[in-house]
Amino acid sequence: MANFPVVNMENLNGSERGVTMEKINDACENWGFFELVNHGIPHELLDKVEKMTKDHYKKCMEQRFKEMVAAKALEGVKAEVTDIDWESTFFLRHRPTSNISEIPDLEEEYRELMKDFAGKLEKLAEELLDLLCENLGLEKGYLKKAFNGSKGPNFGTKVSNYPPCPTPDLIKGLRAHTDAGGIILLFQDDKVSGLQLLKDGEWIDVPPMRHSIVINLGDQIEVITNGKYKSVMHRVIAQTDGTRMSLASFYNPGNDAVIYPAPTLLEKEPTEKEQSYPKFVFDDYMKLYAGLKFQAKEPRFEAMKAVEANVGLGPVATV
């Protein structure tokens, strides 16, 4: 098995740019995941985010998890639990409007820190989308425009902690799924592992690396690229020791963005593979996804084809 792809973004600025771009392209085509180092987000900021996130969990969420999830999930259980995840989470919405001021129990310093962190992640997401455009032969800004809708993209962070689990063979930290949205940027614990992706029928560990950002592609990128790039099934394995921190930030299309394969890419396809993906409004896909998250993505795409006749062109680039 080839090594998990790690991309040094500093190499985009010198003689190794071509090799680095090819590494990103190969990761998008064959892995759906890659890990970024030297991505421009200061290590001091990442360290502070990690410390304050872990402190907040211990202070405000750990006891609640034990009472709400742990006690109920494993009570009298002898077979695998398939309807619950061994995780403690809350969600910060950044765009189109922020909910950070509304989340209870957050210290003001933590709120400001997460706003700063989100701003840097959003900038990195848009930089990555343009790198994908370059590799795909799309004009710069195409993917960002495709995601925009009338109010810009949706962008938010799922803050998760995966506590130690006494029976990891019976319950997953997070059940296997592909992500519905666009591009996902993950800042994860560098000591406690657990994230795995499915490649060639095998579950592969995504290696924890200090100060790295893990990138994975969502279903919308697969649709826009007409399957050239793929979203990939992944899961979190519960661990018996240590609490794993995970901050997954989702740069997704706006609710009313119309998603469909890029015409420029369709022109390059052989006739029999011209447009194998549907056209739909992103919010319609999300409503479907809500009930089918932990199932295969292909039936979701087929279901969207069934309603495709009702979709008109939205505010999206067409070159």
C-alpha atoms as a PDB file:
ATOM      1  CA  MET A   1       0.000   0.000   0.000  1.00  0.00           C
ATOM      2  CA  ALA A   2       1.363   3.419  -0.971  1.00  0.00           C
ATOM      3  CA  ASN A   3       2.112   5.912   1.785  1.00  0.00           C
ATOM      4  CA  PHE A   4      -0.639   8.286   2.852  1.00  0.00           C
ATOM      5  CA  PRO A   5      -0.114  11.487   0.792  1.00  0.00           C
ATOM      6  CA  VAL A   6       1.500  14.377   2.688  1.00  0.00           C
ATOM      7  CA  VAL A   7       1.781  17.697   0.834  1.00  0.00           C
ATOM      8  CA  ASN A   8       4.297  20.377   1.818  1.00  0.00           C
ATOM      9  CA  MET A   9       2.667  23.618   0.680  1.00  0.00           C
ATOM     10  CA  GLU A  10       5.955  25.515   0.816  1.00  0.00           C
ATOM     11  CA  ASN A  11       7.023  23.502  -2.230  1.00  0.00           C
ATOM     12  CA  LEU A  12       4.329  25.228  -4.306  1.00  0.00           C
ATOM     13  CA  ASN A  13       6.505  28.333  -4.377  1.00  0.00           C
ATOM     14  CA  GLY A  14       9.642  26.885  -5.952  1.00  0.00           C
ATOM     15  CA  SER A  15      11.053  24.429  -8.446  1.00  0.00           C
ATOM     16  CA  GLU A  16       9.047  21.563  -6.921  1.00  0.00           C
ATOM     17  CA  ARG A  17       5.673  23.129  -7.739  1.00  0.00           C
ATOM     18  CA  GLY A  18       4.963  20.745 -10.621  1.00  0.00           C
ATOM     19  CA  VAL A  19       5.723  17.639  -8.561  1.00  0.00           C
ATOM     20  CA  THR A  20       3.662  18.984  -5.655  1.00  0.00           C
ATOM     21  CA  MET A  21       0.673  19.775  -7.871  1.00  0.00           C
ATOM     22  CA  GLU A  22       0.832  16.256  -9.287  1.00  0.00           C
ATOM     23  CA  LYS A  23       0.902  14.859  -5.750  1.00  0.00           C
ATOM     24  CA  ILE A  24      -2.279  16.821  -4.942  1.00  0.00           C
ATOM     25  CA  ASN A  25      -3.914  15.601  -8.151  1.00  0.00           C
ATOM     26  CA  ASP A  26      -3.001  11.974  -7.443  1.00  0.00           C
ATOM     27  CA  ALA A  27      -4.340  12.290  -3.887  1.00  0.00           C
ATOM     28  CA  CYS A  28      -7.635  13.734  -5.173  1.00  0.00           C
ATOM     29  CA  GLU A  29      -8.010  10.985  -7.784  1.00  0.00           C
ATOM     30  CA  ASN A  30      -6.878   7.978  -5.754  1.00  0.00           C
ATOM     31  CA  TRP A  31      -7.274   8.787  -2.073  1.00  0.00           C
ATOM     32  CA  GLY A  32      -9.880  11.535  -1.593  1.00  0.00           C
ATOM     33  CA  PHE A  33      -7.642  12.620   1.308  1.00  0.00           C
ATOM     34  CA  PHE A  34      -4.256  14.261   1.843  1.00  0.00           C
ATOM     35  CA  GLU A  35      -2.396  15.900   4.707  1.00  0.00           C
ATOM     36  CA  LEU A  36      -0.970  19.441   4.567  1.00  0.00           C
ATOM     37  CA  VAL A  37       2.160  20.689   6.297  1.00  0.00           C
ATOM     38  CA  ASN A  38       3.566  24.237   6.087  1.00  0.00           C
ATOM     39  CA  HIS A  39       0.051  25.434   5.249  1.00  0.00           C
ATOM     40  CA  GLY A  40       0.514  28.955   6.603  1.00  0.00           C
ATOM     41  CA  ILE A  41      -1.603  28.698   9.769  1.00  0.00           C
ATOM     42  CA  PRO A  42       0.722  29.573  12.678  1.00  0.00           C
ATOM     43  CA  HIS A  43       1.644  26.687  14.973  1.00  0.00           C
ATOM     44  CA  GLU A  44       1.101  28.921  18.001  1.00  0.00           C
ATOM     45  CA  LEU A  45      -2.525  29.438  16.936  1.00  0.00           C
ATOM     46  CA  LEU A  46      -3.053  25.687  16.453  1.00  0.00           C
ATOM     47  CA  ASP A  47      -1.558  24.975  19.879  1.00  0.00           C
ATOM     48  CA  LYS A  48      -3.890  27.488  21.503  1.00  0.00           C
ATOM     49  CA  VAL A  49      -6.943  26.113  19.653  1.00  0.00           C
ATOM     50  CA  GLU A  50      -6.039  22.597  20.797  1.00  0.00           C
ATOM     51  CA  LYS A  51      -5.520  23.605  24.428  1.00  0.00           C
ATOM     52  CA  MET A  52      -8.708  25.663  24.699  1.00  0.00           C
ATOM     53  CA  THR A  53     -10.795  23.007  22.903  1.00  0.00           C
ATOM     54  CA  LYS A  54      -9.574  20.280  25.246  1.00  0.00           C
ATOM     55  CA  ASP A  55     -10.051  22.513  28.298  1.00  0.00           C
ATOM     56  CA  HIS A  56     -13.612  23.337  27.208  1.00  0.00           C
ATOM     57  CA  TYR A  57     -14.435  19.644  26.787  1.00  0.00           C
ATOM     58  CA  LYS A  58     -13.172  18.751  30.261  1.00  0.00           C
ATOM     59  CA  LYS A  59     -14.892  21.707  31.893  1.00  0.00           C
ATOM     60  CA  CYS A  60     -18.243  21.727  30.079  1.00  0.00           C
ATOM     61  CA  MET A  61     -18.852  18.538  28.119  1.00  0.00           C
ATOM     62  CA  GLU A  62     -17.114  15.521  29.620  1.00  0.00           C
ATOM     63  CA  GLN A  63     -19.623  14.912  32.414  1.00  0.00           C
ATOM     64  CA  ARG A  64     -22.546  15.518  30.051  1.00  0.00           C
ATOM     65  CA  PHE A  65     -21.134  12.906  27.666  1.00  0.00           C
ATOM     66  CA  LYS A  66     -20.860  10.351  30.464  1.00  0.00           C
ATOM     67  CA  GLU A  67     -24.453  10.950  31.504  1.00  0.00           C
ATOM     68  CA  MET A  68     -26.075  11.307  28.059  1.00  0.00           C
ATOM     69  CA  VAL A  69     -24.132   9.032  25.718  1.00  0.00           C
ATOM     70  CA  ALA A  70     -21.881   6.641  27.589  1.00  0.00           C
ATOM     71  CA  ALA A  71     -24.498   5.328  30.006  1.00  0.00           C
ATOM     72  CA  LYS A  72     -27.183   4.811  27.348  1.00  0.00           C
ATOM     73  CA  ALA A  73     -25.007   3.584  24.485  1.00  0.00           C
ATOM     74  CA  LEU A  74     -23.563   0.590  26.279  1.00  0.00           C
ATOM     75  CA  GLU A  75     -26.299  -0.335  28.719  1.00  0.00           C
ATOM     76  CA  GLY A  76     -26.736  -4.102  28.451  1.00  0.00           C
ATOM     77  CA  VAL A  77     -25.138  -4.099  24.969  1.00  0.00           C
ATOM     78  CA  LYS A  78     -23.676  -7.336  23.633  1.00  0.00           C
ATOM     79  CA  ALA A  79     -23.911  -6.747  19.868  1.00  0.00           C
ATOM     80  CA  GLU A  80     -22.512  -3.897  17.749  1.00  0.00           C
ATOM     81  CA  VAL A  81     -24.280  -0.558  18.224  1.00  0.00           C
ATOM     82  CA  THR A  82     -25.167   0.886  14.787  1.00  0.00           C
ATOM     83  CA  ASP A  83     -27.410   3.854  15.598  1.00  0.00           C
ATOM     84  CA  ILE A  84     -25.183   6.043  17.764  1.00  0.00           C
ATOM     85  CA  ASP A  85     -21.633   7.436  17.675  1.00  0.00           C
ATOM     86  CA  TRP A  86     -19.182   7.578  20.577  1.00  0.00           C
ATOM     87  CA  GLU A  87     -18.510  11.312  20.274  1.00  0.00           C
ATOM     88  CA  SER A  88     -19.171  14.601  22.026  1.00  0.00           C
ATOM     89  CA  THR A  89     -19.751  17.487  19.591  1.00  0.00           C
ATOM     90  CA  PHE A  90     -20.980  21.006  18.974  1.00  0.00           C
ATOM     91  CA  PHE A  91     -21.137  22.978  15.737  1.00  0.00           C
ATOM     92  CA  LEU A  92     -19.837  26.475  15.024  1.00  0.00           C
ATOM     93  CA  ARG A  93     -21.338  28.160  11.959  1.00  0.00           C
ATOM     94  CA  HIS A  94     -19.160  30.862  10.368  1.00  0.00           C
ATOM     95  CA  ARG A  95     -20.838  31.628   7.040  1.00  0.00           C
ATOM     96  CA  PRO A  96     -23.157  32.947   5.744  1.00  0.00           C
ATOM     97  CA  THR A  97     -23.865  34.068   9.336  1.00  0.00           C
ATOM     98  CA  SER A  98     -22.019  33.183  12.533  1.00  0.00           C
ATOM     99  CA  ASN A  99     -23.554  31.478  15.549  1.00  0.00           C
ATOM    100  CA  ILE A 100     -20.419  31.659  17.722  1.00  0.00           C
ATOM    101  CA  SER A 101     -21.929  34.257  20.058  1.00  0.00           C
ATOM    102  CA  GLU A 102     -24.959  31.990  20.643  1.00  0.00           C
ATOM    103  CA  ILE A 103     -23.127  28.825  21.735  1.00  0.00           C
ATOM    104  CA  PRO A 104     -23.446  28.456  25.529  1.00  0.00           C
ATOM    105  CA  ASP A 105     -20.533  27.857  27.898  1.00  0.00           C
ATOM    106  CA  LEU A 106     -17.793  29.218  25.609  1.00  0.00           C
ATOM    107  CA  GLU A 107     -15.285  31.621  27.121  1.00  0.00           C
ATOM    108  CA  GLU A 108     -15.032  34.916  25.242  1.00  0.00           C
ATOM    109  CA  GLU A 109     -11.358  34.290  24.501  1.00  0.00           C
ATOM    110  CA  TYR A 110     -12.263  30.934  22.932  1.00  0.00           C
ATOM    111  CA  ARG A 111     -14.967  32.558  20.782  1.00  0.00           C
ATOM    112  CA  GLU A 112     -12.491  35.125  19.440  1.00  0.00           C
ATOM    113  CA  LEU A 113      -9.847  32.459  18.915  1.00  0.00           C
ATOM    114  CA  MET A 114     -12.223  30.294  16.870  1.00  0.00           C
ATOM    115  CA  LYS A 115     -13.239  33.281  14.731  1.00  0.00           C
ATOM    116  CA  ASP A 116      -9.558  33.889  13.942  1.00  0.00           C
ATOM    117  CA  PHE A 117      -8.962  30.189  13.262  1.00  0.00           C
ATOM    118  CA  ALA A 118     -12.029  29.978  10.986  1.00  0.00           C
ATOM    119  CA  GLY A 119     -10.878  32.995   8.957  1.00  0.00           C
ATOM    120  CA  LYS A 120      -7.525  31.373   8.272  1.00  0.00           C
ATOM    121  CA  LEU A 121      -9.131  28.031   7.407  1.00  0.00           C
ATOM    122  CA  GLU A 122     -11.558  29.689   4.989  1.00  0.00           C
ATOM    123  CA  LYS A 123      -8.673  31.389   3.199  1.00  0.00           C
ATOM    124  CA  LEU A 124      -6.821  28.045   3.018  1.00  0.00           C
ATOM    125  CA  ALA A 125      -9.939  26.290   1.674  1.00  0.00           C
ATOM    126  CA  GLU A 126     -10.275  28.823  -1.147  1.00  0.00           C
ATOM    127  CA  GLU A 127      -6.580  28.517  -1.944  1.00  0.00           C
ATOM    128  CA  LEU A 128      -6.970  24.747  -2.180  1.00  0.00           C
ATOM    129  CA  LEU A 129     -10.040  25.044  -4.408  1.00  0.00           C
ATOM    130  CA  ASP A 130      -7.965  27.111  -6.844  1.00  0.00           C
ATOM    131  CA  LEU A 131      -5.198  24.495  -6.793  1.00  0.00           C
ATOM    132  CA  LEU A 132      -7.830  21.897  -7.694  1.00  0.00           C
ATOM    133  CA  CYS A 133      -9.055  24.168 -10.504  1.00  0.00           C
ATOM    134  CA  GLU A 134      -5.507  24.421 -11.856  1.00  0.00           C
ATOM    135  CA  ASN A 135      -5.088  20.645 -11.840  1.00  0.00           C
ATOM    136  CA  LEU A 136      -8.484  20.123 -13.466  1.00  0.00           C
ATOM    137  CA  GLY A 137      -7.967  22.706 -16.207  1.00  0.00           C
ATOM    138  CA  LEU A 138     -10.772  24.932 -14.885  1.00  0.00           C
ATOM    139  CA  GLU A 139     -10.430  28.698 -14.747  1.00  0.00           C
ATOM    140  CA  LYS A 140      -9.220  30.117 -11.444  1.00  0.00           C
ATOM    141  CA  GLY A 141     -12.146  30.724  -9.099  1.00  0.00           C
ATOM    142  CA  TYR A 142     -14.508  28.284 -10.829  1.00  0.00           C
ATOM    143  CA  LEU A 143     -15.101  26.074  -7.786  1.00  0.00           C
ATOM    144  CA  LYS A 144     -15.524  29.031  -5.458  1.00  0.00           C
ATOM    145  CA  LYS A 145     -18.116  30.518  -7.833  1.00  0.00           C
ATOM    146  CA  ALA A 146     -19.845  27.150  -8.144  1.00  0.00           C
ATOM    147  CA  PHE A 147     -20.212  27.050  -4.352  1.00  0.00           C
ATOM    148  CA  ASN A 148     -21.400  30.635  -3.956  1.00  0.00           C
ATOM    149  CA  GLY A 149     -25.156  30.565  -4.456  1.00  0.00           C
ATOM    150  CA  SER A 150     -26.792  33.919  -3.662  1.00  0.00           C
ATOM    151  CA  LYS A 151     -25.272  34.365  -0.177  1.00  0.00           C
ATOM    152  CA  GLY A 152     -21.816  32.858  -0.552  1.00  0.00           C
ATOM    153  CA  PRO A 153     -20.712  29.455   0.716  1.00  0.00           C
ATOM    154  CA  ASN A 154     -21.686  27.626   3.887  1.00  0.00           C
ATOM    155  CA  PHE A 155     -18.730  27.295   6.231  1.00  0.00           C
ATOM    156  CA  GLY A 156     -18.719  25.775   9.694  1.00  0.00           C
ATOM    157  CA  THR A 157     -16.690  23.733  12.172  1.00  0.00           C
ATOM    158  CA  LYS A 158     -17.744  20.541  13.927  1.00  0.00           C
ATOM    159  CA  VAL A 159     -15.855  20.459  17.235  1.00  0.00           C
ATOM    160  CA  SER A 160     -15.617  16.847  18.409  1.00  0.00           C
ATOM    161  CA  ASN A 161     -14.036  14.870  21.197  1.00  0.00           C
ATOM    162  CA  TYR A 162     -13.899  11.088  21.170  1.00  0.00           C
ATOM    163  CA  PRO A 163     -13.498   9.897  24.784  1.00  0.00           C
ATOM    164  CA  PRO A 164     -11.982   6.553  25.819  1.00  0.00           C
ATOM    165  CA  CYS A 165     -14.386   3.704  25.132  1.00  0.00           C
ATOM    166  CA  PRO A 166     -14.467   0.438  27.107  1.00  0.00           C
ATOM    167  CA  THR A 167     -15.847  -1.585  24.171  1.00  0.00           C
ATOM    168  CA  PRO A 168     -14.477  -0.184  20.870  1.00  0.00           C
ATOM    169  CA  ASP A 169     -15.421  -3.438  19.147  1.00  0.00           C
ATOM    170  CA  LEU A 170     -19.118  -2.669  19.770  1.00  0.00           C
ATOM    171  CA  ILE A 171     -19.377   1.023  18.868  1.00  0.00           C
ATOM    172  CA  LYS A 172     -17.691   3.403  16.428  1.00  0.00           C
ATOM    173  CA  GLY A 173     -16.474   6.864  17.332  1.00  0.00           C
ATOM    174  CA  LEU A 174     -18.145   7.904  14.066  1.00  0.00           C
ATOM    175  CA  ARG A 175     -19.781   5.469  11.662  1.00  0.00           C
ATOM    176  CA  ALA A 176     -18.520   5.140   8.081  1.00  0.00           C
ATOM    177  CA  HIS A 177     -19.744   7.824   5.651  1.00  0.00           C
ATOM    178  CA  THR A 178     -18.712  10.193   2.888  1.00  0.00           C
ATOM    179  CA  ASP A 179     -19.027  13.929   3.528  1.00  0.00           C
ATOM    180  CA  ALA A 180     -21.891  15.622   1.712  1.00  0.00           C
ATOM    181  CA  GLY A 181     -20.262  18.977   1.083  1.00  0.00           C
ATOM    182  CA  GLY A 182     -17.283  20.472  -0.683  1.00  0.00           C
ATOM    183  CA  ILE A 183     -13.828  20.467   0.885  1.00  0.00           C
ATOM    184  CA  ILE A 184     -13.147  19.561   4.508  1.00  0.00           C
ATOM    185  CA  LEU A 185     -10.203  20.797   6.576  1.00  0.00           C
ATOM    186  CA  LEU A 186      -9.454  18.763   9.703  1.00  0.00           C
ATOM    187  CA  PHE A 187      -7.247  19.749  12.610  1.00  0.00           C
ATOM    188  CA  GLN A 188      -6.935  16.573  14.652  1.00  0.00           C
ATOM    189  CA  ASP A 189      -5.264  15.269  17.769  1.00  0.00           C
ATOM    190  CA  ASP A 190      -1.628  14.408  17.098  1.00  0.00           C
ATOM    191  CA  LYS A 191      -1.401  11.787  19.854  1.00  0.00           C
ATOM    192  CA  VAL A 192      -4.682   9.838  19.840  1.00  0.00           C
ATOM    193  CA  SER A 193      -5.484   8.257  16.464  1.00  0.00           C
ATOM    194  CA  GLY A 194      -8.729   6.781  15.161  1.00  0.00           C
ATOM    195  CA  LEU A 195      -9.552   8.299  11.751  1.00  0.00           C
ATOM    196  CA  GLN A 196      -9.555   5.760   8.914  1.00  0.00           C
ATOM    197  CA  LEU A 197     -10.414   5.922   5.203  1.00  0.00           C
ATOM    198  CA  LEU A 198     -11.511   3.136   2.874  1.00  0.00           C
ATOM    199  CA  LYS A 199      -9.089   2.512   0.008  1.00  0.00           C
ATOM    200  CA  ASP A 200      -9.174  -0.489  -2.316  1.00  0.00           C
ATOM    201  CA  GLY A 201     -11.391  -2.357   0.137  1.00  0.00           C
ATOM    202  CA  GLU A 202      -9.103  -1.782   3.138  1.00  0.00           C
ATOM    203  CA  TRP A 203      -9.396   0.598   6.090  1.00  0.00           C
ATOM    204  CA  ILE A 204      -6.280   2.790   6.196  1.00  0.00           C
ATOM    205  CA  ASP A 205      -5.224   4.915   9.185  1.00  0.00           C
ATOM    206  CA  VAL A 206      -4.941   8.657   8.602  1.00  0.00           C
ATOM    207  CA  PRO A 207      -1.723   9.347  10.515  1.00  0.00           C
ATOM    208  CA  PRO A 208      -1.851  11.944  13.303  1.00  0.00           C
ATOM    209  CA  MET A 209       0.823  14.589  12.599  1.00  0.00           C
ATOM    210  CA  ARG A 210       1.540  17.593  14.775  1.00  0.00           C
ATOM    211  CA  HIS A 211       0.356  20.912  13.277  1.00  0.00           C
ATOM    212  CA  SER A 212      -0.911  19.319  10.060  1.00  0.00           C
ATOM    213  CA  ILE A 213      -4.291  19.928   8.412  1.00  0.00           C
ATOM    214  CA  VAL A 214      -5.968  16.873   6.862  1.00  0.00           C
ATOM    215  CA  ILE A 215      -7.975  17.571   3.692  1.00  0.00           C
ATOM    216  CA  ASN A 216     -10.744  15.429   2.292  1.00  0.00           C
ATOM    217  CA  LEU A 217     -13.165  15.896  -0.580  1.00  0.00           C
ATOM    218  CA  GLY A 218     -16.949  15.820  -0.266  1.00  0.00           C
ATOM    219  CA  ASP A 219     -19.682  14.594  -2.596  1.00  0.00           C
ATOM    220  CA  GLN A 220     -20.062  17.996  -4.310  1.00  0.00           C
ATOM    221  CA  ILE A 221     -16.486  17.928  -5.608  1.00  0.00           C
ATOM    222  CA  GLU A 222     -17.163  14.466  -7.042  1.00  0.00           C
ATOM    223  CA  VAL A 223     -20.240  15.799  -8.867  1.00  0.00           C
ATOM    224  CA  ILE A 224     -18.579  18.948 -10.225  1.00  0.00           C
ATOM    225  CA  THR A 225     -15.565  16.947 -11.475  1.00  0.00           C
ATOM    226  CA  ASN A 226     -17.897  14.312 -13.000  1.00  0.00           C
ATOM    227  CA  GLY A 227     -16.203  11.642 -10.901  1.00  0.00           C
ATOM    228  CA  LYS A 228     -12.579  12.523 -11.702  1.00  0.00           C
ATOM    229  CA  TYR A 229     -12.132  13.311  -8.007  1.00  0.00           C
ATOM    230  CA  LYS A 230     -13.977  11.163  -5.500  1.00  0.00           C
ATOM    231  CA  SER A 231     -15.382  11.530  -2.002  1.00  0.00           C
ATOM    232  CA  VAL A 232     -14.236   8.597   0.102  1.00  0.00           C
ATOM    233  CA  MET A 233     -15.800   6.609   2.944  1.00  0.00           C
ATOM    234  CA  HIS A 234     -14.165   7.268   6.305  1.00  0.00           C
ATOM    235  CA  ARG A 235     -14.838   6.511   9.948  1.00  0.00           C
ATOM    236  CA  VAL A 236     -13.501   7.071  13.464  1.00  0.00           C
ATOM    237  CA  ILE A 237     -12.551   4.049  15.546  1.00  0.00           C
ATOM    238  CA  ALA A 238     -13.183   4.442  19.264  1.00  0.00           C
ATOM    239  CA  GLN A 239     -10.083   3.990  21.416  1.00  0.00           C
ATOM    240  CA  THR A 240      -9.703   2.502  24.902  1.00  0.00           C
ATOM    241  CA  ASP A 241      -7.114   5.107  25.937  1.00  0.00           C
ATOM    242  CA  GLY A 242      -7.045   8.876  25.511  1.00  0.00           C
ATOM    243  CA  THR A 243      -9.587  11.418  24.260  1.00  0.00           C
ATOM    244  CA  ARG A 244      -9.165  12.317  20.577  1.00  0.00           C
ATOM    245  CA  MET A 245      -9.809  15.935  19.576  1.00  0.00           C
ATOM    246  CA  SER A 246     -11.139  16.681  16.089  1.00  0.00           C
ATOM    247  CA  LEU A 247     -12.034  20.035  14.530  1.00  0.00           C
ATOM    248  CA  ALA A 248     -13.507  19.438  11.072  1.00  0.00           C
ATOM    249  CA  SER A 249     -14.282  22.580   9.085  1.00  0.00           C
ATOM    250  CA  PHE A 250     -16.648  22.185   6.140  1.00  0.00           C
ATOM    251  CA  TYR A 251     -16.418  24.596   3.192  1.00  0.00           C
ATOM    252  CA  ASN A 252     -19.685  23.779   1.434  1.00  0.00           C
ATOM    253  CA  PRO A 253     -21.867  25.265  -1.299  1.00  0.00           C
ATOM    254  CA  GLY A 254     -24.496  27.831  -0.349  1.00  0.00           C
ATOM    255  CA  ASN A 255     -27.975  26.393   0.203  1.00  0.00           C
ATOM    256  CA  ASP A 256     -29.302  27.613  -3.163  1.00  0.00           C
ATOM    257  CA  ALA A 257     -26.159  26.848  -5.193  1.00  0.00           C
ATOM    258  CA  VAL A 258     -26.911  24.664  -8.209  1.00  0.00           C
ATOM    259  CA  ILE A 259     -24.360  21.862  -8.453  1.00  0.00           C
ATOM    260  CA  TYR A 260     -23.579  19.978 -11.669  1.00  0.00           C
ATOM    261  CA  PRO A 261     -20.578  18.666 -13.625  1.00  0.00           C
ATOM    262  CA  ALA A 262     -18.358  21.425 -15.022  1.00  0.00           C
ATOM    263  CA  PRO A 263     -19.057  21.775 -18.775  1.00  0.00           C
ATOM    264  CA  THR A 264     -15.324  22.151 -19.507  1.00  0.00           C
ATOM    265  CA  LEU A 265     -14.699  18.726 -17.990  1.00  0.00           C
ATOM    266  CA  LEU A 266     -17.621  17.133 -19.826  1.00  0.00           C
ATOM    267  CA  GLU A 267     -16.138  18.250 -23.137  1.00  0.00           C
ATOM    268  CA  LYS A 268     -13.072  16.119 -22.378  1.00  0.00           C
ATOM    269  CA  GLU A 269     -15.088  12.980 -21.608  1.00  0.00           C
ATOM    270  CA  PRO A 270     -15.752  10.140 -24.064  1.00  0.00           C
ATOM    271  CA  THR A 271     -19.385  10.144 -25.190  1.00  0.00           C
ATOM    272  CA  GLU A 272     -20.474   7.199 -23.038  1.00  0.00           C
ATOM    273  CA  LYS A 273     -19.265   8.942 -19.856  1.00  0.00           C
ATOM    274  CA  GLU A 274     -20.421  12.429 -20.730  1.00  0.00           C
ATOM    275  CA  GLN A 275     -22.599  13.372 -17.763  1.00  0.00           C
ATOM    276  CA  SER A 276     -22.951  10.576 -15.284  1.00  0.00           C
ATOM    277  CA  TYR A 277     -23.756  12.883 -12.356  1.00  0.00           C
ATOM    278  CA  PRO A 278     -26.964  14.851 -11.670  1.00  0.00           C
ATOM    279  CA  LYS A 279     -27.718  18.568 -11.410  1.00  0.00           C
ATOM    280  CA  PHE A 280     -29.390  19.712  -8.187  1.00  0.00           C
ATOM    281  CA  VAL A 281     -29.769  22.430  -5.585  1.00  0.00           C
ATOM    282  CA  PHE A 282     -27.339  21.816  -2.727  1.00  0.00           C
ATOM    283  CA  ASP A 283     -29.982  22.209  -0.003  1.00  0.00           C
ATOM    284  CA  ASP A 284     -32.079  19.463  -1.637  1.00  0.00           C
ATOM    285  CA  TYR A 285     -29.072  17.159  -1.492  1.00  0.00           C
ATOM    286  CA  MET A 286     -28.515  17.963   2.181  1.00  0.00           C
ATOM    287  CA  LYS A 287     -32.119  17.136   3.044  1.00  0.00           C
ATOM    288  CA  LEU A 288     -31.685  13.741   1.396  1.00  0.00           C
ATOM    289  CA  TYR A 289     -28.266  13.218   3.003  1.00  0.00           C
ATOM    290  CA  ALA A 290     -29.621  13.845   6.505  1.00  0.00           C
ATOM    291  CA  GLY A 291     -31.452  10.512   6.443  1.00  0.00           C
ATOM    292  CA  LEU A 292     -28.901   8.559   4.397  1.00  0.00           C
ATOM    293  CA  LYS A 293     -25.535   9.792   5.744  1.00  0.00           C
ATOM    294  CA  PHE A 294     -24.293   6.373   6.814  1.00  0.00           C
ATOM    295  CA  GLN A 295     -25.203   4.660   3.545  1.00  0.00           C
ATOM    296  CA  ALA A 296     -23.477   4.538   0.155  1.00  0.00           C
ATOM    297  CA  LYS A 297     -23.406   7.803  -1.811  1.00  0.00           C
ATOM    298  CA  GLU A 298     -24.436   6.301  -5.174  1.00  0.00           C
ATOM    299  CA  PRO A 299     -28.165   5.939  -4.311  1.00  0.00           C
ATOM    300  CA  ARG A 300     -28.121   9.601  -3.210  1.00  0.00           C
ATOM    301  CA  PHE A 301     -26.827  10.638  -6.626  1.00  0.00           C
ATOM    302  CA  GLU A 302     -29.464   8.466  -8.325  1.00  0.00           C
ATOM    303  CA  ALA A 303     -32.223  10.014  -6.201  1.00  0.00           C
ATOM    304  CA  MET A 304     -31.089  13.501  -7.218  1.00  0.00           C
ATOM    305  CA  LYS A 305     -31.215  12.488 -10.892  1.00  0.00           C
ATOM    306  CA  ALA A 306     -34.903  11.761 -10.391  1.00  0.00           C
ATOM    307  CA  VAL A 307     -35.621  15.394  -9.474  1.00  0.00           C
ATOM    308  CA  GLU A 308     -33.143  16.883 -11.932  1.00  0.00           C
ATOM    309  CA  ALA A 309     -35.835  17.976 -14.394  1.00  0.00           C
ATOM    310  CA  ASN A 310     -37.046  20.553 -11.877  1.00  0.00           C
ATOM    311  CA  VAL A 311     -33.694  22.307 -11.442  1.00  0.00           C
ATOM    312  CA  GLY A 312     -32.839  25.518 -13.279  1.00  0.00           C
ATOM    313  CA  LEU A 313     -29.395  27.023 -13.688  1.00  0.00           C
ATOM    314  CA  GLY A 314     -28.317  29.022 -10.648  1.00  0.00           C
ATOM    315  CA  PRO A 315     -25.573  31.573 -10.049  1.00  0.00           C
ATOM    316  CA  VAL A 316     -22.693  29.409 -11.142  1.00  0.00           C
ATOM    317  CA  ALA A 317     -19.757  29.759 -13.504  1.00  0.00           C
ATOM    318  CA  THR A 318     -20.345  28.074 -16.853  1.00  0.00           C
ATOM    319  CA  VAL A 319     -16.929  28.261 -18.503  1.00  0.00           C
END
